[in-house]
C-alpha cells in the first residue's frame, strides 16, 4: 500500500514531534511504501487551514539528515555517498505548509513518480485529539479531512501524551497503530470518510482493547485561550484591560493607543488554560473518545467530512411578524 503521511507537529523533534519517525519506520517495517510531506514548523490548532496567497516551498530532506531540534543538515548529501535515485525516500518539508496543504501537495504534486496514493495518514499527533473542541481545532484531524475532500481515505492518528515517553512505548503505539490502520483499510465501512484514532501511551497498549467511539461534545465555558498583555508585555492578572482618559481620548493602559492615530489598542497572547477541559474529559461518559483513551484503550471514531443536515429543517422559512 502507498501511504502518504502528513502531520501538524512538523519535522522530527524531541520536544514537538517525537512520534513521526518511529511511526514511519513501523509502516515501512510492515511493508508499505511511505511518502512523507510535513510542515516546516509546528502547525498545531490550525485545523484544515490553507494559507491563502502564501508561497509554499518543498525541500527534499533525507530522513537521516534531521537533527533532534527539528532542523536538518542542509549539506547532508555532500558528505554521504549519493546515488542518482537517493532522493526517492526523502521526506518533503513544506515551508509555509499546513497539514491540509501537505495533503494537497502530497496527493497531487510531490510523489507522482511513486504511483497512486491509497491512504492518507495525518499524525501521529503529539497528544490526544479527543472531544469536539480538540477535533474541530486539530491540524492533525485537518490533514485527514483534506484527504476526504480530495476523495481519498484519511485517518488521523494521535498518541495520547505530551510527556516524554520511552522509545519502547512509542514503538508499541506505532506497531498497534499500523495494525489498526491496516484493519480499517481492509474493512473500510463505505459510510465512513475518515477515522480518528487515539492511542494511549502505555507499555501494555498492544494488549488493551481497541474500541469504536463517538466524539465527546465539549464547549468553552469561559475564555481559556488568550491572556491580555500589559503595556510592558506582561500578562494581566485578571484579564481585564485598564483604561485612562488622556486629553479626552480613551487609551488602553495595557496596550496604549497607536501613537500616530490615537486609536485604542489591546494586546493578547496565546495562553491556553485547559484545566477545566481536562477535568471534564476525565469525567466523560463511557463510549466517548475521551473516556476510552483516558481509560487506557485505543479509540477509533468514524466520521463523515461534512456538516450534516438536521432532519426536518427543510422548505420555506416562515419569518416572525
C-alpha atoms as a PDB file:
ATOM      1  CA  UNK A   1       0.000   0.000   0.000  1.00  0.00           C
ATOM      2  CA  UNK A   2       1.237   3.503  -0.855  1.00  0.00           C
ATOM      3  CA  UNK A   3       0.644   5.723   2.179  1.00  0.00           C
ATOM      4  CA  UNK A   4       1.011   9.489   2.406  1.00  0.00           C
ATOM      5  CA  UNK A   5       1.969  10.669   5.905  1.00  0.00           C
ATOM      6  CA  UNK A   6       1.435  14.306   6.888  1.00  0.00           C
ATOM      7  CA  UNK A   7       1.370  15.925  10.326  1.00  0.00           C
ATOM      8  CA  UNK A   8       0.865  19.193  12.189  1.00  0.00           C
ATOM      9  CA  UNK A   9       3.854  18.962  14.538  1.00  0.00           C
ATOM     10  CA  UNK A  10       6.466  19.453  11.835  1.00  0.00           C
ATOM     11  CA  UNK A  11       9.855  17.759  11.336  1.00  0.00           C
ATOM     12  CA  UNK A  12      11.149  15.183  13.822  1.00  0.00           C
ATOM     13  CA  UNK A  13      11.923  16.974  17.073  1.00  0.00           C
ATOM     14  CA  UNK A  14      12.412  15.670  20.595  1.00  0.00           C
ATOM     15  CA  UNK A  15      10.199  18.410  22.025  1.00  0.00           C
ATOM     16  CA  UNK A  16       7.453  18.971  19.427  1.00  0.00           C
ATOM     17  CA  UNK A  17       7.358  15.991  17.086  1.00  0.00           C
ATOM     18  CA  UNK A  18       8.863  12.897  18.738  1.00  0.00           C
ATOM     19  CA  UNK A  19       6.490  10.301  17.269  1.00  0.00           C
ATOM     20  CA  UNK A  20       6.657  10.613  13.498  1.00  0.00           C
ATOM     21  CA  UNK A  21       9.970   8.861  12.839  1.00  0.00           C
ATOM     22  CA  UNK A  22       9.151   5.651  14.813  1.00  0.00           C
ATOM     23  CA  UNK A  23       5.694   5.633  13.200  1.00  0.00           C
ATOM     24  CA  UNK A  24       7.044   5.887   9.650  1.00  0.00           C
ATOM     25  CA  UNK A  25       9.583   3.181  10.498  1.00  0.00           C
ATOM     26  CA  UNK A  26       6.742   0.923  11.673  1.00  0.00           C
ATOM     27  CA  UNK A  27       4.792   1.485   8.452  1.00  0.00           C
ATOM     28  CA  UNK A  28       7.860   0.661   6.375  1.00  0.00           C
ATOM     29  CA  UNK A  29       8.660  -2.384   8.509  1.00  0.00           C
ATOM     30  CA  UNK A  30       5.133  -3.614   7.708  1.00  0.00           C
ATOM     31  CA  UNK A  31       5.993  -3.466   4.002  1.00  0.00           C
ATOM     32  CA  UNK A  32       4.237  -0.247   2.987  1.00  0.00           C
ATOM     33  CA  UNK A  33       5.559   2.388   0.610  1.00  0.00           C
ATOM     34  CA  UNK A  34       5.537   5.614   2.624  1.00  0.00           C
ATOM     35  CA  UNK A  35       5.727   9.164   1.260  1.00  0.00           C
ATOM     36  CA  UNK A  36       6.116  11.945   3.827  1.00  0.00           C
ATOM     37  CA  UNK A  37       5.118  15.607   3.433  1.00  0.00           C
ATOM     38  CA  UNK A  38       5.216  17.746   6.584  1.00  0.00           C
ATOM     39  CA  UNK A  39       5.145  21.455   7.521  1.00  0.00           C
ATOM     40  CA  UNK A  40       8.486  23.125   8.184  1.00  0.00           C
ATOM     41  CA  UNK A  41       7.181  24.337  11.561  1.00  0.00           C
ATOM     42  CA  UNK A  42       4.571  23.274  14.088  1.00  0.00           C
ATOM     43  CA  UNK A  43       1.021  23.985  12.887  1.00  0.00           C
ATOM     44  CA  UNK A  44      -0.989  22.735  15.851  1.00  0.00           C
ATOM     45  CA  UNK A  45      -4.551  24.022  16.325  1.00  0.00           C
ATOM     46  CA  UNK A  46      -4.701  25.220  12.722  1.00  0.00           C
ATOM     47  CA  UNK A  47      -7.488  22.880  11.625  1.00  0.00           C
ATOM     48  CA  UNK A  48      -7.900  22.387   7.862  1.00  0.00           C
ATOM     49  CA  UNK A  49      -6.414  25.751   7.002  1.00  0.00           C
ATOM     50  CA  UNK A  50      -4.664  26.800   3.818  1.00  0.00           C
ATOM     51  CA  UNK A  51      -2.579  29.994   3.985  1.00  0.00           C
ATOM     52  CA  UNK A  52      -4.099  31.816   1.017  1.00  0.00           C
ATOM     53  CA  UNK A  53      -1.569  33.692  -1.137  1.00  0.00           C
ATOM     54  CA  UNK A  54       1.351  32.204   0.790  1.00  0.00           C
ATOM     55  CA  UNK A  55       4.095  30.758  -1.391  1.00  0.00           C
ATOM     56  CA  UNK A  56       4.992  27.195  -0.491  1.00  0.00           C
ATOM     57  CA  UNK A  57       8.467  25.729  -0.903  1.00  0.00           C
ATOM     58  CA  UNK A  58       9.132  21.985  -0.898  1.00  0.00           C
ATOM     59  CA  UNK A  59      12.530  20.849   0.399  1.00  0.00           C
ATOM     60  CA  UNK A  60      13.533  17.207  -0.036  1.00  0.00           C
ATOM     61  CA  UNK A  61      15.308  16.064   3.119  1.00  0.00           C
ATOM     62  CA  UNK A  62      16.868  12.617   3.657  1.00  0.00           C
ATOM     63  CA  UNK A  63      15.376  11.140   6.851  1.00  0.00           C
ATOM     64  CA  UNK A  64      18.827  10.722   8.380  1.00  0.00           C
ATOM     65  CA  UNK A  65      19.579  14.425   7.888  1.00  0.00           C
ATOM     66  CA  UNK A  66      17.079  15.540  10.541  1.00  0.00           C
ATOM     67  CA  UNK A  67      18.510  16.732  13.844  1.00  0.00           C
ATOM     68  CA  UNK A  68      16.909  16.367  17.275  1.00  0.00           C
ATOM     69  CA  UNK A  69      15.749  20.007  17.380  1.00  0.00           C
ATOM     70  CA  UNK A  70      13.544  19.855  14.263  1.00  0.00           C
ATOM     71  CA  UNK A  71      16.160  21.280  11.883  1.00  0.00           C
ATOM     72  CA  UNK A  72      18.179  19.353   9.320  1.00  0.00           C
ATOM     73  CA  UNK A  73      21.652  19.263   7.859  1.00  0.00           C
ATOM     74  CA  UNK A  74      21.339  21.026   4.512  1.00  0.00           C
ATOM     75  CA  UNK A  75      24.739  19.652   3.437  1.00  0.00           C
ATOM     76  CA  UNK A  76      23.920  16.039   4.230  1.00  0.00           C
ATOM     77  CA  UNK A  77      24.145  14.925   0.587  1.00  0.00           C
ATOM     78  CA  UNK A  78      27.572  16.492   0.204  1.00  0.00           C
ATOM     79  CA  UNK A  79      29.239  14.262   2.777  1.00  0.00           C
ATOM     80  CA  UNK A  80      27.425  10.996   2.083  1.00  0.00           C
ATOM     81  CA  UNK A  81      27.602   8.541  -0.761  1.00  0.00           C
ATOM     82  CA  UNK A  82      24.864   9.812  -3.065  1.00  0.00           C
ATOM     83  CA  UNK A  83      23.225   7.828  -5.816  1.00  0.00           C
ATOM     84  CA  UNK A  84      21.002   9.188  -8.621  1.00  0.00           C
ATOM     85  CA  UNK A  85      17.874   7.739  -7.007  1.00  0.00           C
ATOM     86  CA  UNK A  86      18.712   8.552  -3.404  1.00  0.00           C
ATOM     87  CA  UNK A  87      16.005  11.215  -3.087  1.00  0.00           C
ATOM     88  CA  UNK A  88      13.227   8.678  -3.745  1.00  0.00           C
ATOM     89  CA  UNK A  89      12.917   8.146   0.023  1.00  0.00           C
ATOM     90  CA  UNK A  90      13.400  11.778   1.022  1.00  0.00           C
ATOM     91  CA  UNK A  91      10.833  13.405   3.256  1.00  0.00           C
ATOM     92  CA  UNK A  92       9.384  16.627   1.864  1.00  0.00           C
ATOM     93  CA  UNK A  93       9.309  19.627   4.196  1.00  0.00           C
ATOM     94  CA  UNK A  94       6.917  22.419   3.166  1.00  0.00           C
ATOM     95  CA  UNK A  95       7.819  25.973   4.119  1.00  0.00           C
ATOM     96  CA  UNK A  96       4.566  27.847   4.955  1.00  0.00           C
ATOM     97  CA  UNK A  97       2.879  24.456   4.843  1.00  0.00           C
ATOM     98  CA  UNK A  98      -0.143  23.374   6.844  1.00  0.00           C
ATOM     99  CA  UNK A  99      -1.344  19.789   7.298  1.00  0.00           C
ATOM    100  CA  UNK A 100      -4.037  20.409   4.669  1.00  0.00           C
ATOM    101  CA  UNK A 101      -1.605  21.890   2.149  1.00  0.00           C
ATOM    102  CA  UNK A 102       0.803  18.996   2.767  1.00  0.00           C
ATOM    103  CA  UNK A 103      -2.065  16.626   1.936  1.00  0.00           C
ATOM    104  CA  UNK A 104      -2.891  18.568  -1.231  1.00  0.00           C
ATOM    105  CA  UNK A 105       0.692  18.691  -2.469  1.00  0.00           C
ATOM    106  CA  UNK A 106       1.364  15.123  -1.408  1.00  0.00           C
ATOM    107  CA  UNK A 107      -1.619  13.786  -3.318  1.00  0.00           C
ATOM    108  CA  UNK A 108      -1.292  15.832  -6.493  1.00  0.00           C
ATOM    109  CA  UNK A 109       2.220  17.241  -6.880  1.00  0.00           C
ATOM    110  CA  UNK A 110       5.079  15.714  -4.935  1.00  0.00           C
ATOM    111  CA  UNK A 111       5.057  11.949  -5.414  1.00  0.00           C
ATOM    112  CA  UNK A 112       3.547  11.285  -8.850  1.00  0.00           C
ATOM    113  CA  UNK A 113       6.510   9.117  -9.863  1.00  0.00           C
ATOM    114  CA  UNK A 114       5.778   6.764  -6.936  1.00  0.00           C
ATOM    115  CA  UNK A 115       2.303   5.802  -8.134  1.00  0.00           C
ATOM    116  CA  UNK A 116      -1.200   6.496  -6.776  1.00  0.00           C
ATOM    117  CA  UNK A 117      -1.630   7.045  -3.044  1.00  0.00           C
ATOM    118  CA  UNK A 118      -4.014   4.608  -1.377  1.00  0.00           C
ATOM    119  CA  UNK A 119      -4.359   6.171   2.063  1.00  0.00           C
ATOM    120  CA  UNK A 120      -3.517   9.433   3.843  1.00  0.00           C
ATOM    121  CA  UNK A 121      -2.437   9.265   7.478  1.00  0.00           C
ATOM    122  CA  UNK A 122      -2.194  12.512   9.415  1.00  0.00           C
ATOM    123  CA  UNK A 123      -0.028  12.279  12.517  1.00  0.00           C
ATOM    124  CA  UNK A 124       0.874  10.860  14.904  1.00  0.00           C
ATOM    125  CA  UNK A 125      -0.068  13.943  16.858  1.00  0.00           C
ATOM    126  CA  UNK A 126       1.922  14.783  19.975  1.00  0.00           C
ATOM    127  CA  UNK A 127      -1.020  14.399  22.379  1.00  0.00           C
ATOM    128  CA  UNK A 128      -4.685  13.363  22.256  1.00  0.00           C
ATOM    129  CA  UNK A 129      -7.298  14.636  19.820  1.00  0.00           C
ATOM    130  CA  UNK A 130     -10.442  13.614  21.692  1.00  0.00           C
ATOM    131  CA  UNK A 131     -13.654  15.667  22.156  1.00  0.00           C
ATOM    132  CA  UNK A 132     -15.172  18.151  19.733  1.00  0.00           C
ATOM    133  CA  UNK A 133     -13.031  21.074  20.912  1.00  0.00           C
ATOM    134  CA  UNK A 134      -9.820  19.291  20.038  1.00  0.00           C
ATOM    135  CA  UNK A 135     -11.184  17.602  16.932  1.00  0.00           C
ATOM    136  CA  UNK A 136     -12.513  20.811  15.369  1.00  0.00           C
ATOM    137  CA  UNK A 137      -9.255  22.651  16.131  1.00  0.00           C
ATOM    138  CA  UNK A 138      -6.741  19.957  15.332  1.00  0.00           C
ATOM    139  CA  UNK A 139      -4.344  20.291  12.433  1.00  0.00           C
ATOM    140  CA  UNK A 140      -3.882  16.528  12.592  1.00  0.00           C
ATOM    141  CA  UNK A 141      -7.591  15.997  12.001  1.00  0.00           C
ATOM    142  CA  UNK A 142      -7.403  18.745   9.360  1.00  0.00           C
ATOM    143  CA  UNK A 143      -4.884  16.777   7.321  1.00  0.00           C
ATOM    144  CA  UNK A 144      -7.202  13.760   7.249  1.00  0.00           C
ATOM    145  CA  UNK A 145     -10.223  15.959   6.461  1.00  0.00           C
ATOM    146  CA  UNK A 146      -8.346  17.350   3.479  1.00  0.00           C
ATOM    147  CA  UNK A 147      -7.808  13.804   2.235  1.00  0.00           C
ATOM    148  CA  UNK A 148     -11.557  13.143   2.454  1.00  0.00           C
ATOM    149  CA  UNK A 149     -12.362  16.310   0.499  1.00  0.00           C
ATOM    150  CA  UNK A 150      -9.925  15.078  -2.148  1.00  0.00           C
ATOM    151  CA  UNK A 151     -11.788  11.765  -2.437  1.00  0.00           C
ATOM    152  CA  UNK A 152      -9.149   9.774  -0.550  1.00  0.00           C
ATOM    153  CA  UNK A 153      -9.430   7.735   2.608  1.00  0.00           C
ATOM    154  CA  UNK A 154      -7.931   9.533   5.585  1.00  0.00           C
ATOM    155  CA  UNK A 155      -7.016   8.520   9.124  1.00  0.00           C
ATOM    156  CA  UNK A 156      -5.980  10.977  11.830  1.00  0.00           C
ATOM    157  CA  UNK A 157      -3.659   9.389  14.405  1.00  0.00           C
ATOM    158  CA  UNK A 158      -2.842  10.819  17.834  1.00  0.00           C
ATOM    159  CA  UNK A 159      -0.573   9.395  20.513  1.00  0.00           C
ATOM    160  CA  UNK A 160      -2.168  10.340  23.816  1.00  0.00           C
ATOM    161  CA  UNK A 161       0.616  12.021  25.754  1.00  0.00           C
ATOM    162  CA  UNK A 162       2.748  15.140  25.557  1.00  0.00           C
ATOM    163  CA  UNK A 163       5.060  13.858  28.285  1.00  0.00           C
ATOM    164  CA  UNK A 164       8.394  12.327  27.242  1.00  0.00           C
ATOM    165  CA  UNK A 165       7.956   8.629  26.551  1.00  0.00           C
ATOM    166  CA  UNK A 166      10.425   5.722  26.499  1.00  0.00           C
ATOM    167  CA  UNK A 167      11.164   4.586  22.978  1.00  0.00           C
ATOM    168  CA  UNK A 168       9.704   1.146  23.783  1.00  0.00           C
ATOM    169  CA  UNK A 169       6.274   2.697  24.482  1.00  0.00           C
ATOM    170  CA  UNK A 170       6.456   4.843  21.332  1.00  0.00           C
ATOM    171  CA  UNK A 171       7.313   1.799  19.222  1.00  0.00           C
ATOM    172  CA  UNK A 172       4.481  -0.205  20.789  1.00  0.00           C
ATOM    173  CA  UNK A 173       1.999   2.577  19.997  1.00  0.00           C
ATOM    174  CA  UNK A 174       3.347   2.751  16.445  1.00  0.00           C
ATOM    175  CA  UNK A 175       3.042  -1.024  15.929  1.00  0.00           C
ATOM    176  CA  UNK A 176      -0.519  -1.066  17.234  1.00  0.00           C
ATOM    177  CA  UNK A 177      -1.449   1.928  15.096  1.00  0.00           C
ATOM    178  CA  UNK A 178      -0.180   0.181  11.978  1.00  0.00           C
ATOM    179  CA  UNK A 179      -2.284  -2.912  12.803  1.00  0.00           C
ATOM    180  CA  UNK A 180      -5.413  -0.832  13.400  1.00  0.00           C
ATOM    181  CA  UNK A 181      -4.829   1.207  10.244  1.00  0.00           C
ATOM    182  CA  UNK A 182      -4.424  -1.923   8.119  1.00  0.00           C
ATOM    183  CA  UNK A 183      -7.601  -3.414   9.615  1.00  0.00           C
ATOM    184  CA  UNK A 184      -9.581  -0.227   8.939  1.00  0.00           C
ATOM    185  CA  UNK A 185      -8.278  -0.029   5.383  1.00  0.00           C
ATOM    186  CA  UNK A 186      -9.093  -3.648   4.597  1.00  0.00           C
ATOM    187  CA  UNK A 187     -12.530  -3.415   6.223  1.00  0.00           C
ATOM    188  CA  UNK A 188     -13.375   0.176   5.355  1.00  0.00           C
ATOM    189  CA  UNK A 189     -17.025   0.955   6.017  1.00  0.00           C
ATOM    190  CA  UNK A 190     -18.304   2.724   2.918  1.00  0.00           C
ATOM    191  CA  UNK A 191     -20.335   5.083   5.104  1.00  0.00           C
ATOM    192  CA  UNK A 192     -17.101   6.465   6.573  1.00  0.00           C
ATOM    193  CA  UNK A 193     -14.892   9.130   5.006  1.00  0.00           C
ATOM    194  CA  UNK A 194     -12.253   9.364   7.710  1.00  0.00           C
ATOM    195  CA  UNK A 195     -11.357   7.840  11.059  1.00  0.00           C
ATOM    196  CA  UNK A 196      -9.883   9.494  14.138  1.00  0.00           C
ATOM    197  CA  UNK A 197      -7.544   7.182  16.032  1.00  0.00           C
ATOM    198  CA  UNK A 198      -6.342   7.932  19.582  1.00  0.00           C
ATOM    199  CA  UNK A 199      -3.730   5.630  21.115  1.00  0.00           C
ATOM    200  CA  UNK A 200      -2.869   5.726  24.846  1.00  0.00           C
ATOM    201  CA  UNK A 201       0.828   5.725  25.682  1.00  0.00           C
ATOM    202  CA  UNK A 202       1.403   2.736  27.942  1.00  0.00           C
ATOM    203  CA  UNK A 203       3.592  -0.361  27.940  1.00  0.00           C
ATOM    204  CA  UNK A 204       0.696  -2.786  27.510  1.00  0.00           C
ATOM    205  CA  UNK A 205      -1.087  -0.800  24.785  1.00  0.00           C
ATOM    206  CA  UNK A 206      -0.872  -3.669  22.299  1.00  0.00           C
ATOM    207  CA  UNK A 207      -2.849  -5.959  24.628  1.00  0.00           C
ATOM    208  CA  UNK A 208      -5.509  -3.385  25.512  1.00  0.00           C
ATOM    209  CA  UNK A 209      -8.913  -3.166  23.737  1.00  0.00           C
ATOM    210  CA  UNK A 210      -9.497  -1.142  20.581  1.00  0.00           C
ATOM    211  CA  UNK A 211     -12.992   0.374  20.616  1.00  0.00           C
ATOM    212  CA  UNK A 212     -15.266   2.279  18.274  1.00  0.00           C
ATOM    213  CA  UNK A 213     -16.229   5.562  19.920  1.00  0.00           C
ATOM    214  CA  UNK A 214     -18.118   8.820  19.375  1.00  0.00           C
ATOM    215  CA  UNK A 215     -16.669  12.277  19.899  1.00  0.00           C
ATOM    216  CA  UNK A 216     -17.330  13.802  23.315  1.00  0.00           C
ATOM    217  CA  UNK A 217     -19.257  17.096  22.862  1.00  0.00           C
ATOM    218  CA  UNK A 218     -17.426  19.905  24.643  1.00  0.00           C
ATOM    219  CA  UNK A 219     -17.849  23.688  24.646  1.00  0.00           C
ATOM    220  CA  UNK A 220     -15.808  26.504  26.149  1.00  0.00           C
ATOM    221  CA  UNK A 221     -17.425  27.752  29.352  1.00  0.00           C
ATOM    222  CA  UNK A 222     -15.175  30.812  29.501  1.00  0.00           C
ATOM    223  CA  UNK A 223     -12.313  32.438  27.661  1.00  0.00           C
ATOM    224  CA  UNK A 224      -9.491  29.958  28.097  1.00  0.00           C
ATOM    225  CA  UNK A 225      -7.079  30.563  25.239  1.00  0.00           C
ATOM    226  CA  UNK A 226      -5.791  34.147  25.391  1.00  0.00           C
ATOM    227  CA  UNK A 227      -4.467  36.451  28.101  1.00  0.00           C
ATOM    228  CA  UNK A 228      -4.314  40.214  27.808  1.00  0.00           C
ATOM    229  CA  UNK A 229      -0.893  41.835  27.983  1.00  0.00           C
ATOM    230  CA  UNK A 230       0.074  44.967  29.869  1.00  0.00           C
ATOM    231  CA  UNK A 231       1.923  47.864  28.244  1.00  0.00           C
ATOM    232  CA  UNK A 232       5.254  46.239  29.106  1.00  0.00           C
ATOM    233  CA  UNK A 233       4.220  42.890  27.654  1.00  0.00           C
ATOM    234  CA  UNK A 234       3.412  41.136  30.917  1.00  0.00           C
ATOM    235  CA  UNK A 235       0.276  39.044  31.251  1.00  0.00           C
ATOM    236  CA  UNK A 236      -2.615  40.730  33.045  1.00  0.00           C
ATOM    237  CA  UNK A 237      -3.615  39.043  36.283  1.00  0.00           C
ATOM    238  CA  UNK A 238      -7.374  39.251  35.780  1.00  0.00           C
ATOM    239  CA  UNK A 239      -7.501  39.593  32.020  1.00  0.00           C
ATOM    240  CA  UNK A 240      -9.341  42.940  32.221  1.00  0.00           C
ATOM    241  CA  UNK A 241      -7.942  45.953  30.424  1.00  0.00           C
ATOM    242  CA  UNK A 242      -7.410  49.114  32.472  1.00  0.00           C
ATOM    243  CA  UNK A 243      -8.196  52.367  30.733  1.00  0.00           C
ATOM    244  CA  UNK A 244      -7.323  56.003  31.284  1.00  0.00           C
ATOM    245  CA  UNK A 245      -8.689  59.195  29.808  1.00  0.00           C
ATOM    246  CA  UNK A 246      -5.905  61.253  28.249  1.00  0.00           C
ATOM    247  CA  UNK A 247      -6.883  64.593  26.687  1.00  0.00           C
ATOM    248  CA  UNK A 248     -10.408  63.297  26.270  1.00  0.00           C
ATOM    249  CA  UNK A 249      -9.298  60.221  24.332  1.00  0.00           C
ATOM    250  CA  UNK A 250      -9.734  56.753  25.784  1.00  0.00           C
ATOM    251  CA  UNK A 251      -6.410  54.961  25.751  1.00  0.00           C
ATOM    252  CA  UNK A 252      -5.720  51.420  26.889  1.00  0.00           C
ATOM    253  CA  UNK A 253      -3.107  51.311  29.603  1.00  0.00           C
ATOM    254  CA  UNK A 254      -2.217  47.742  28.700  1.00  0.00           C
ATOM    255  CA  UNK A 255      -1.510  48.326  25.044  1.00  0.00           C
ATOM    256  CA  UNK A 256      -1.610  52.140  24.753  1.00  0.00           C
ATOM    257  CA  UNK A 257      -3.106  53.822  21.759  1.00  0.00           C
ATOM    258  CA  UNK A 258      -1.339  53.909  18.449  1.00  0.00           C
ATOM    259  CA  UNK A 259       0.937  56.922  18.758  1.00  0.00           C
ATOM    260  CA  UNK A 260       0.216  58.186  15.269  1.00  0.00           C
ATOM    261  CA  UNK A 261      -3.559  57.829  15.314  1.00  0.00           C
ATOM    262  CA  UNK A 262      -4.886  57.869  18.859  1.00  0.00           C
ATOM    263  CA  UNK A 263      -6.703  54.575  18.209  1.00  0.00           C
ATOM    264  CA  UNK A 264      -7.025  52.295  21.187  1.00  0.00           C
ATOM    265  CA  UNK A 265      -5.032  49.091  21.017  1.00  0.00           C
ATOM    266  CA  UNK A 266      -5.045  45.991  23.205  1.00  0.00           C
ATOM    267  CA  UNK A 267      -2.612  43.075  23.038  1.00  0.00           C
ATOM    268  CA  UNK A 268      -3.312  39.418  23.724  1.00  0.00           C
ATOM    269  CA  UNK A 269      -1.046  36.382  23.905  1.00  0.00           C
ATOM    270  CA  UNK A 270      -1.821  32.707  23.461  1.00  0.00           C
ATOM    271  CA  UNK A 271      -2.109  31.347  26.978  1.00  0.00           C
ATOM    272  CA  UNK A 272      -4.261  28.247  26.900  1.00  0.00           C
ATOM    273  CA  UNK A 273      -5.677  27.256  30.275  1.00  0.00           C
ATOM    274  CA  UNK A 274      -7.100  23.802  29.699  1.00  0.00           C
ATOM    275  CA  UNK A 275      -7.507  22.762  33.329  1.00  0.00           C
ATOM    276  CA  UNK A 276     -11.326  22.865  33.261  1.00  0.00           C
ATOM    277  CA  UNK A 277     -11.381  20.951  29.992  1.00  0.00           C
ATOM    278  CA  UNK A 278      -9.095  18.270  31.385  1.00  0.00           C
ATOM    279  CA  UNK A 279     -11.388  17.811  34.401  1.00  0.00           C
ATOM    280  CA  UNK A 280     -14.388  17.393  32.105  1.00  0.00           C
ATOM    281  CA  UNK A 281     -12.553  14.936  29.893  1.00  0.00           C
ATOM    282  CA  UNK A 282     -11.639  12.883  32.948  1.00  0.00           C
ATOM    283  CA  UNK A 283     -15.335  12.612  33.841  1.00  0.00           C
ATOM    284  CA  UNK A 284     -16.542  11.934  30.286  1.00  0.00           C
ATOM    285  CA  UNK A 285     -19.080   9.209  29.722  1.00  0.00           C
ATOM    286  CA  UNK A 286     -18.292   5.712  28.547  1.00  0.00           C
ATOM    287  CA  UNK A 287     -18.327   5.257  24.792  1.00  0.00           C
ATOM    288  CA  UNK A 288     -16.762   8.620  24.015  1.00  0.00           C
ATOM    289  CA  UNK A 289     -13.300   9.090  22.555  1.00  0.00           C
ATOM    290  CA  UNK A 290     -12.067  10.926  25.656  1.00  0.00           C
ATOM    291  CA  UNK A 291     -13.306   8.305  28.136  1.00  0.00           C
ATOM    292  CA  UNK A 292     -11.893   5.454  26.087  1.00  0.00           C
ATOM    293  CA  UNK A 293      -8.354   6.728  25.598  1.00  0.00           C
ATOM    294  CA  UNK A 294      -8.082   8.131  29.127  1.00  0.00           C
ATOM    295  CA  UNK A 295      -9.021   4.709  30.466  1.00  0.00           C
ATOM    296  CA  UNK A 296      -6.244   3.002  28.558  1.00  0.00           C
ATOM    297  CA  UNK A 297      -7.946   1.715  25.432  1.00  0.00           C
ATOM    298  CA  UNK A 298      -7.452   2.766  21.827  1.00  0.00           C
ATOM    299  CA  UNK A 299     -10.272   4.883  20.400  1.00  0.00           C
ATOM    300  CA  UNK A 300     -11.445   4.704  16.773  1.00  0.00           C
ATOM    301  CA  UNK A 301     -14.023   7.351  15.837  1.00  0.00           C
ATOM    302  CA  UNK A 302     -15.660   7.125  12.379  1.00  0.00           C
ATOM    303  CA  UNK A 303     -16.711  10.371  10.687  1.00  0.00           C
ATOM    304  CA  UNK A 304     -18.186  11.942   7.614  1.00  0.00           C
ATOM    305  CA  UNK A 305     -16.335  15.010   6.374  1.00  0.00           C
ATOM    306  CA  UNK A 306     -19.376  17.289   6.329  1.00  0.00           C
ATOM    307  CA  UNK A 307     -21.697  19.367   8.426  1.00  0.00           C
ATOM    308  CA  UNK A 308     -24.648  17.025   8.433  1.00  0.00           C
ATOM    309  CA  UNK A 309     -28.137  18.322   7.729  1.00  0.00           C
ATOM    310  CA  UNK A 310     -30.624  18.488  10.608  1.00  0.00           C
ATOM    311  CA  UNK A 311     -33.657  16.371   9.572  1.00  0.00           C
ATOM    312  CA  UNK A 312     -36.938  18.271   9.467  1.00  0.00           C
ATOM    313  CA  UNK A 313     -35.455  21.705   8.765  1.00  0.00           C
ATOM    314  CA  UNK A 314     -36.465  21.962   5.126  1.00  0.00           C
ATOM    315  CA  UNK A 315     -38.501  24.148   2.801  1.00  0.00           C
ATOM    316  CA  UNK A 316     -39.545  27.753   3.286  1.00  0.00           C
ATOM    317  CA  UNK A 317     -38.620  29.655   6.415  1.00  0.00           C
ATOM    318  CA  UNK A 318     -41.620  31.458   7.900  1.00  0.00           C
ATOM    319  CA  UNK A 319     -40.366  34.673   9.493  1.00  0.00           C
ATOM    320  CA  UNK A 320     -41.874  36.195  12.630  1.00  0.00           C
ATOM    321  CA  UNK A 321     -44.157  39.189  12.132  1.00  0.00           C
END
